[in-house]
Protein backbone atom coordinates (compact mmCIF):
# COMPACT_ATOMS: atom_id res chain seq x y z
CA MET A 1 -0.10 0.10 0.20
CA PRO A 2 1.23 3.45 -1.05
CA LEU A 3 2.56 5.53 1.88
CA LYS A 4 -0.01 8.58 1.26
CA SER A 5 -2.96 5.63 1.50
CA LYS A 6 -1.42 4.50 4.72
CA LYS A 7 -1.16 7.83 6.11
CA ILE A 8 -4.86 8.44 4.96
CA LYS A 9 -5.98 5.20 6.36
CA ALA A 10 -4.54 5.82 9.56
CA SER A 11 -5.92 9.43 9.86
CA PHE A 12 -9.43 7.75 9.30
CA LEU A 13 -9.12 5.27 11.94
CA VAL A 14 -7.91 8.09 14.55
CA LEU A 15 -11.16 10.01 13.61
CA LEU A 16 -13.19 7.04 13.71
CA PHE A 17 -12.20 5.89 17.17
CA SER A 18 -12.02 9.25 18.30
CA VAL A 19 -16.10 10.11 17.25
CA ALA A 20 -17.21 6.32 18.70
CA TYR A 21 -15.17 6.84 22.15
CA LEU A 22 -17.08 10.20 22.39
CA VAL A 23 -20.51 8.53 21.80
CA LEU A 24 -20.40 5.67 23.46
CA SER A 25 -18.98 7.46 26.63
CA TYR A 26 -21.99 9.84 25.74
CA PHE A 27 -24.57 7.22 26.16
CA LEU A 28 -22.76 5.62 28.95
CA ILE A 29 -21.30 7.63 31.66
CA GLY A 30 -22.76 11.32 29.84
CA PHE A 31 -20.39 13.95 28.47
CA LYS A 32 -17.51 15.64 30.33
CA THR A 33 -15.52 18.09 29.22
CA ASP A 34 -12.66 15.46 30.38
CA GLN A 35 -13.34 13.19 27.20
CA LEU A 36 -13.06 16.13 25.25
CA VAL A 37 -9.43 16.73 26.67
CA LEU A 38 -8.66 12.84 25.88
CA VAL A 39 -9.59 13.03 22.53
CA GLY A 40 -7.63 16.46 21.85
CA LEU A 41 -4.52 15.48 23.41
CA PHE A 42 -4.38 12.66 21.59
CA ASN A 43 -5.38 13.94 18.35
CA PHE A 44 -2.80 16.99 18.72
CA MET A 45 0.14 14.49 19.70
CA TYR A 46 -1.00 12.37 16.55
CA TYR A 47 -0.78 15.37 14.11
CA LEU A 48 2.22 17.55 15.93
CA SER A 49 4.95 15.13 14.45
CA ALA A 50 6.22 12.14 13.75
CA VAL A 51 8.18 11.79 17.47
CA THR A 52 5.10 12.76 19.45
CA ARG A 53 2.87 10.05 17.00
CA LYS A 54 4.73 7.44 18.11
CA PHE A 55 4.61 8.79 21.97
CA ILE A 56 0.68 8.69 22.05
CA LEU A 57 0.07 5.37 20.02
CA GLY A 58 2.68 3.80 22.37
CA PHE A 59 0.73 5.17 25.62
CA THR A 60 -2.22 3.52 23.93
CA VAL A 61 -2.34 0.65 26.51
CA PHE A 62 -2.41 3.60 29.39
CA ILE A 63 -5.26 5.18 27.30
CA VAL A 64 -7.42 2.08 27.32
CA PHE A 65 -6.85 1.60 31.37
CA TRP A 66 -8.22 5.09 31.72
CA ILE A 67 -11.20 4.45 29.11
CA ILE A 68 -12.18 1.01 31.26
CA PHE A 69 -11.65 2.95 34.61
CA ASP A 70 -14.29 5.54 33.45
CA TYR A 71 -16.64 3.44 32.50
CA MET A 72 -17.01 1.75 35.64
CA LYS A 73 -18.80 4.66 36.39
CA ALA A 74 -21.67 2.97 34.06
CA PHE A 75 -21.94 -0.02 35.75
CA PRO A 76 -21.51 0.45 39.89
CA ASN A 77 -19.99 -2.91 41.64
CA TYR A 78 -22.60 -2.03 44.33
CA GLU A 79 -25.34 -3.26 41.91
CA TYR A 80 -24.00 -6.90 41.55
CA ASN A 81 -22.58 -7.79 45.11
CA THR A 82 -23.04 -6.53 48.42
CA VAL A 83 -20.56 -3.94 49.80
CA SER A 84 -18.41 -5.03 52.68
CA ILE A 85 -18.56 -2.45 55.29
CA ARG A 86 -18.68 -3.54 58.67
CA GLU A 87 -16.87 -6.65 57.75
CA LEU A 88 -13.98 -5.52 56.70
CA TYR A 89 -13.71 -2.54 59.31
CA ASN A 90 -14.11 -5.58 62.06
CA LEU A 91 -11.54 -7.97 60.10
CA GLU A 92 -8.95 -4.76 60.27
CA LYS A 93 -9.99 -3.80 63.88
CA SER A 94 -9.08 -7.34 64.89
CA ILE A 95 -5.95 -7.77 63.06
CA PHE A 96 -4.05 -4.61 62.92
CA GLY A 97 -6.27 -2.76 66.01
CA PHE A 98 -4.43 -1.73 69.08
CA ASN A 99 -5.55 -0.35 72.33
CA TYR A 100 -5.16 3.70 72.84
CA LYS A 101 -6.92 5.58 75.17
CA GLY A 102 -8.65 2.74 76.42
CA SER A 103 -10.46 2.00 73.11
CA VAL A 104 -9.00 -0.33 70.65
CA VAL A 105 -8.54 1.81 67.34
CA THR A 106 -7.66 0.77 63.38
CA PRO A 107 -4.78 2.76 62.52
CA ASN A 108 -6.96 5.01 60.49
CA GLU A 109 -8.35 5.88 63.58
CA TYR A 110 -5.16 6.32 65.26
CA TRP A 111 -3.92 8.90 62.65
CA LEU A 112 -7.45 10.51 62.08
CA MET A 113 -6.64 11.11 66.04
CA ASN A 114 -2.70 12.22 65.46
CA HIS A 115 -2.06 14.28 62.19
CA ASN A 116 -0.11 16.69 61.97
CA ALA A 117 1.01 19.14 59.26
CA THR A 118 4.02 17.70 58.52
CA LEU A 119 2.66 14.40 57.76
CA ASP A 120 -0.56 15.95 55.95
CA VAL A 121 2.09 17.59 53.13
CA LEU A 122 4.21 14.60 52.87
CA THR A 123 1.50 12.30 52.39
CA GLY A 124 -0.15 14.59 49.92
CA ILE A 125 2.84 14.79 47.86
CA PHE A 126 3.49 10.99 48.00
CA TYR A 127 -0.44 10.75 46.90
CA LEU A 128 0.19 12.40 44.16
CA SER A 129 2.94 10.51 42.88
CA TRP A 130 0.62 7.26 42.32
CA ILE A 131 -0.30 8.50 38.31
CA PRO A 132 2.87 10.74 37.48
CA VAL A 133 5.54 8.33 38.35
CA PRO A 134 4.30 5.21 36.60
CA LEU A 135 3.96 7.30 33.55
CA THR A 136 6.93 8.82 34.00
CA PHE A 137 8.86 6.10 34.40
CA ALA A 138 6.60 4.21 31.27
CA GLY A 139 8.29 7.51 29.60
CA VAL A 140 11.74 7.11 30.25
CA LEU A 141 11.61 3.22 29.19
CA PHE A 142 9.48 4.11 26.28
CA PHE A 143 12.99 6.43 24.79
CA THR A 144 15.38 4.05 25.87
CA ARG A 145 14.22 0.43 26.24
CA LYS A 146 11.14 0.39 24.06
CA ARG A 147 10.56 -3.52 24.82
CA GLU A 148 10.78 -2.96 28.65
CA PHE A 149 7.80 0.05 28.29
CA PHE A 150 5.74 -2.51 26.26
CA TYR A 151 6.22 -5.56 28.99
CA PHE A 152 5.79 -3.07 31.60
CA SER A 153 3.07 -1.26 29.92
CA LEU A 154 1.14 -4.81 29.99
CA THR A 155 1.71 -5.93 33.22
CA PHE A 156 0.41 -2.43 34.29
CA LEU A 157 -2.73 -3.16 32.52
CA LEU A 158 -3.47 -6.30 33.75
CA VAL A 159 -2.81 -5.71 37.13
CA ASN A 160 -5.29 -2.83 37.18
CA LEU A 161 -7.93 -5.75 35.13
CA LEU A 162 -6.98 -7.94 38.27
CA GLY A 163 -8.04 -5.02 40.40
CA PHE A 164 -11.17 -4.23 38.66
CA CYS A 165 -11.93 -8.36 39.10
CA ILE A 166 -11.87 -7.63 42.74
CA TYR A 167 -13.57 -4.50 42.87
CA TYR A 168 -16.65 -6.93 41.23
CA ILE A 169 -16.55 -9.75 43.17
CA TYR A 170 -15.78 -8.14 46.72
CA PRO A 171 -17.48 -4.49 46.64
CA ALA A 172 -15.63 -3.03 50.11
CA ALA A 173 -15.78 0.77 51.69
CA PRO A 174 -12.96 2.59 52.66
CA PRO A 175 -12.29 3.80 56.18
CA TRP A 176 -13.55 7.22 55.72
CA TYR A 177 -17.07 6.14 54.83
CA VAL A 178 -17.44 4.55 58.09
CA GLN A 179 -15.98 7.46 59.65
CA GLN A 180 -18.85 9.61 58.04
CA PHE A 181 -21.57 7.40 57.11
CA GLY A 182 -21.35 4.20 59.42
CA PHE A 183 -22.39 0.83 58.56
CA ASP A 184 -25.25 1.77 56.54
CA PHE A 185 -24.86 1.65 52.61
CA ILE A 186 -26.10 4.70 50.65
CA ALA A 187 -25.88 4.12 47.04
CA ASN A 188 -24.44 6.84 44.59
CA THR A 189 -22.19 7.98 47.21
CA LYS A 190 -19.94 10.96 46.27
CA GLY A 191 -16.20 10.82 46.03
CA ASN A 192 -14.01 11.75 49.32
CA THR A 193 -11.00 13.51 50.13
CA ALA A 194 -10.93 12.22 53.33
CA GLY A 195 -7.51 13.13 55.14
CA LEU A 196 -6.08 14.66 51.93
CA TYR A 197 -8.29 17.79 52.29
CA ARG A 198 -5.76 18.82 54.81
CA PHE A 199 -3.46 18.80 51.91
CA ASP A 200 -5.87 21.01 49.73
CA GLU A 201 -6.31 23.35 52.87
CA PHE A 202 -2.71 23.68 53.87
CA PHE A 203 -1.76 25.05 50.37
CA GLY A 204 -4.95 26.81 49.60
CA VAL A 205 -5.71 24.82 46.40
CA GLU A 206 -8.86 21.76 45.37
CA ILE A 207 -6.36 19.66 43.84
CA PHE A 208 -7.56 16.65 45.73
CA LYS A 209 -10.90 17.40 45.68
CA GLY A 210 -11.10 17.77 41.71
CA LEU A 211 -9.51 14.24 42.07
CA TYR A 212 -11.91 12.57 43.74
CA GLU A 213 -15.12 14.19 42.57
CA LYS A 214 -14.39 12.06 39.36
CA SER A 215 -14.06 8.93 41.41
CA SER A 216 -15.45 6.13 39.68
CA ASN A 217 -16.70 3.96 42.43
CA VAL A 218 -16.19 4.30 46.16
CA PHE A 219 -16.87 0.98 47.03
CA ALA A 220 -13.53 -0.08 45.49
CA ALA A 221 -11.23 0.28 48.25
CA MET A 222 -10.11 -3.15 48.16
CA PRO A 223 -7.43 -4.25 46.76
CA SER A 224 -5.43 -0.53 46.86
CA LEU A 225 -4.17 -0.22 43.53
CA HIS A 226 -2.59 2.80 44.20
CA SER A 227 -0.45 0.75 46.39
CA SER A 228 -0.02 -1.62 43.54
CA TYR A 229 1.41 1.08 40.86
CA PRO A 230 4.61 1.37 42.62
CA LEU A 231 5.71 -1.70 43.52
CA ILE A 232 4.94 -2.76 39.34
CA VAL A 233 7.41 0.86 38.86
CA LEU A 234 10.19 -0.82 41.76
CA TYR A 235 10.05 -4.38 39.93
CA TYR A 236 10.61 -3.08 36.36
CA ALA A 237 13.50 -0.53 37.95
CA ILE A 238 15.36 -3.61 39.67
CA ARG A 239 14.76 -5.60 36.48
CA ASN A 240 16.49 -3.20 34.27
CA LYS A 241 19.27 -2.07 36.94
CA LEU A 242 18.68 1.64 37.60
CA GLY A 243 21.06 1.31 40.42
CA PRO A 244 20.19 4.60 43.25
CA VAL A 245 16.80 5.44 41.55
CA ASN A 246 15.85 1.80 42.93
CA TRP A 247 16.31 3.39 46.34
CA VAL A 248 13.77 6.69 45.45
CA PHE A 249 10.82 4.11 43.95
CA GLY A 250 11.20 2.62 47.06
CA ALA A 251 10.99 5.34 48.97
CA ILE A 252 7.76 6.39 46.86
CA MET A 253 6.36 3.31 47.61
CA MET A 254 6.52 2.98 50.84
CA GLY A 255 5.57 6.75 51.24
CA ILE A 256 2.20 5.96 49.33
CA TRP A 257 1.33 3.11 51.37
CA PHE A 258 1.55 4.89 54.61
CA ALA A 259 -0.26 7.75 52.89
CA ALA A 260 -3.33 5.32 51.91
CA VAL A 261 -3.92 4.83 55.32
CA TYR A 262 -2.94 7.92 57.19
CA SER A 263 -5.37 9.76 55.24
CA SER A 264 -7.86 7.26 55.82
CA HIS A 265 -8.95 6.20 51.88
CA HIS A 266 -7.82 2.53 52.81
CA TYR A 267 -7.50 -0.04 55.37
CA VAL A 268 -4.28 -1.78 55.85
CA LEU A 269 -5.71 -5.05 54.65
CA ASP A 270 -6.56 -2.82 50.99
CA VAL A 271 -2.56 -2.13 51.15
CA LEU A 272 -2.08 -5.79 51.59
CA ALA A 273 -4.20 -6.91 48.97
CA GLY A 274 -2.88 -4.40 46.43
CA ILE A 275 0.52 -5.62 47.13
CA VAL A 276 -0.50 -8.86 46.51
CA CYS A 277 -2.29 -7.75 43.25
CA ALA A 278 0.93 -6.40 41.84
CA ILE A 279 2.49 -9.68 43.11
CA THR A 280 0.25 -11.46 41.23
CA GLY A 281 -0.13 -9.67 38.05
CA ILE A 282 3.54 -9.43 37.66
CA TRP A 283 3.98 -13.04 38.13
CA LEU A 284 1.08 -14.17 36.13
CA PHE A 285 2.91 -12.05 33.26
CA GLN A 286 6.21 -13.39 33.36
CA ARG A 287 5.45 -16.90 33.77
CA PHE A 288 2.03 -17.03 31.08
CA ILE A 289 1.96 -14.12 28.72
CA HIS A 290 5.67 -13.15 28.64
CA SER A 291 6.95 -16.35 27.50
CA LYS A 292 4.73 -16.57 24.81
CA GLY A 293 6.06 -16.77 21.28
CA TRP A 294 3.15 -14.36 19.70
CA VAL A 295 3.71 -12.03 22.68
CA HIS A 296 7.25 -11.52 21.47
CA ARG A 297 6.37 -11.05 18.21
CA SER A 298 3.63 -8.62 18.44
CA VAL A 299 5.93 -6.68 20.70
CA GLU A 300 8.78 -6.41 18.00
CA LYS A 301 6.51 -5.01 15.49
CA ALA A 302 5.29 -2.80 18.00
CA ILE A 303 8.98 -1.85 18.07
CA ASP A 304 9.19 -1.64 14.55
CA ALA A 305 6.41 0.11 13.86
CA LEU A 306 7.66 2.96 16.28
CA LYS A 307 11.18 3.26 14.75
């Protein structure tokens, strides 16, 4: 096929997918400006230059992740299984609860009573890094080690799909929900910044408020995918022998894990489940997917297409 015809066909497909995404989004979850931003960004980078076109095509896996996550709003997990509220809280207290001032409290409850400005700022910074760090790491791999970039991207997607499945099998309320509403189930509960509101107040901004207003599902605390992402990054950083940078990723990972509990967004059990989810996804990819010949061939073709 002549080069000009290929370009016309590719442009037509970009237009087709852009329109299809907007139409499907409208009927599933309603119109949002975020959808136009995503389509606009994709098209802008696709047509800007050869380098940006290859970059945005390479990051299609992350775009797929975001679209699936966003579309979960159309299918609330509490409509498919009973939400665990009291049960998860009691389990957390029975395993990790401890005596404080004459009462048994969970780690979330302890930090709710003993938060301070320093930890508010530090945990807010760590929690803000849960997406920028994986995306930045992926960007570095894209320009330096494309094969590893694709393996990292596919592992990231697999871990998310595992987490999404668990959300529907075991809907679970986060700690802040219990703190605000008790053990009664309230459908259509809006997302909440929980302890992260203190970060917003400290700097006089609404960063976390804006983020959590767009939450796809409040009852998706178990597993904590926030806790999964930095572990995937650390694994691939160690695998690629990045040296001292690994310690930075390790510190970020520990910071995010602590921030998840400190801010009352997750129980310790949620964090542990996120860790197990990441390890399981990495193992499944390495054991059953990475070793397949068709995967190698597909990745090599993708690399050749991006040269």
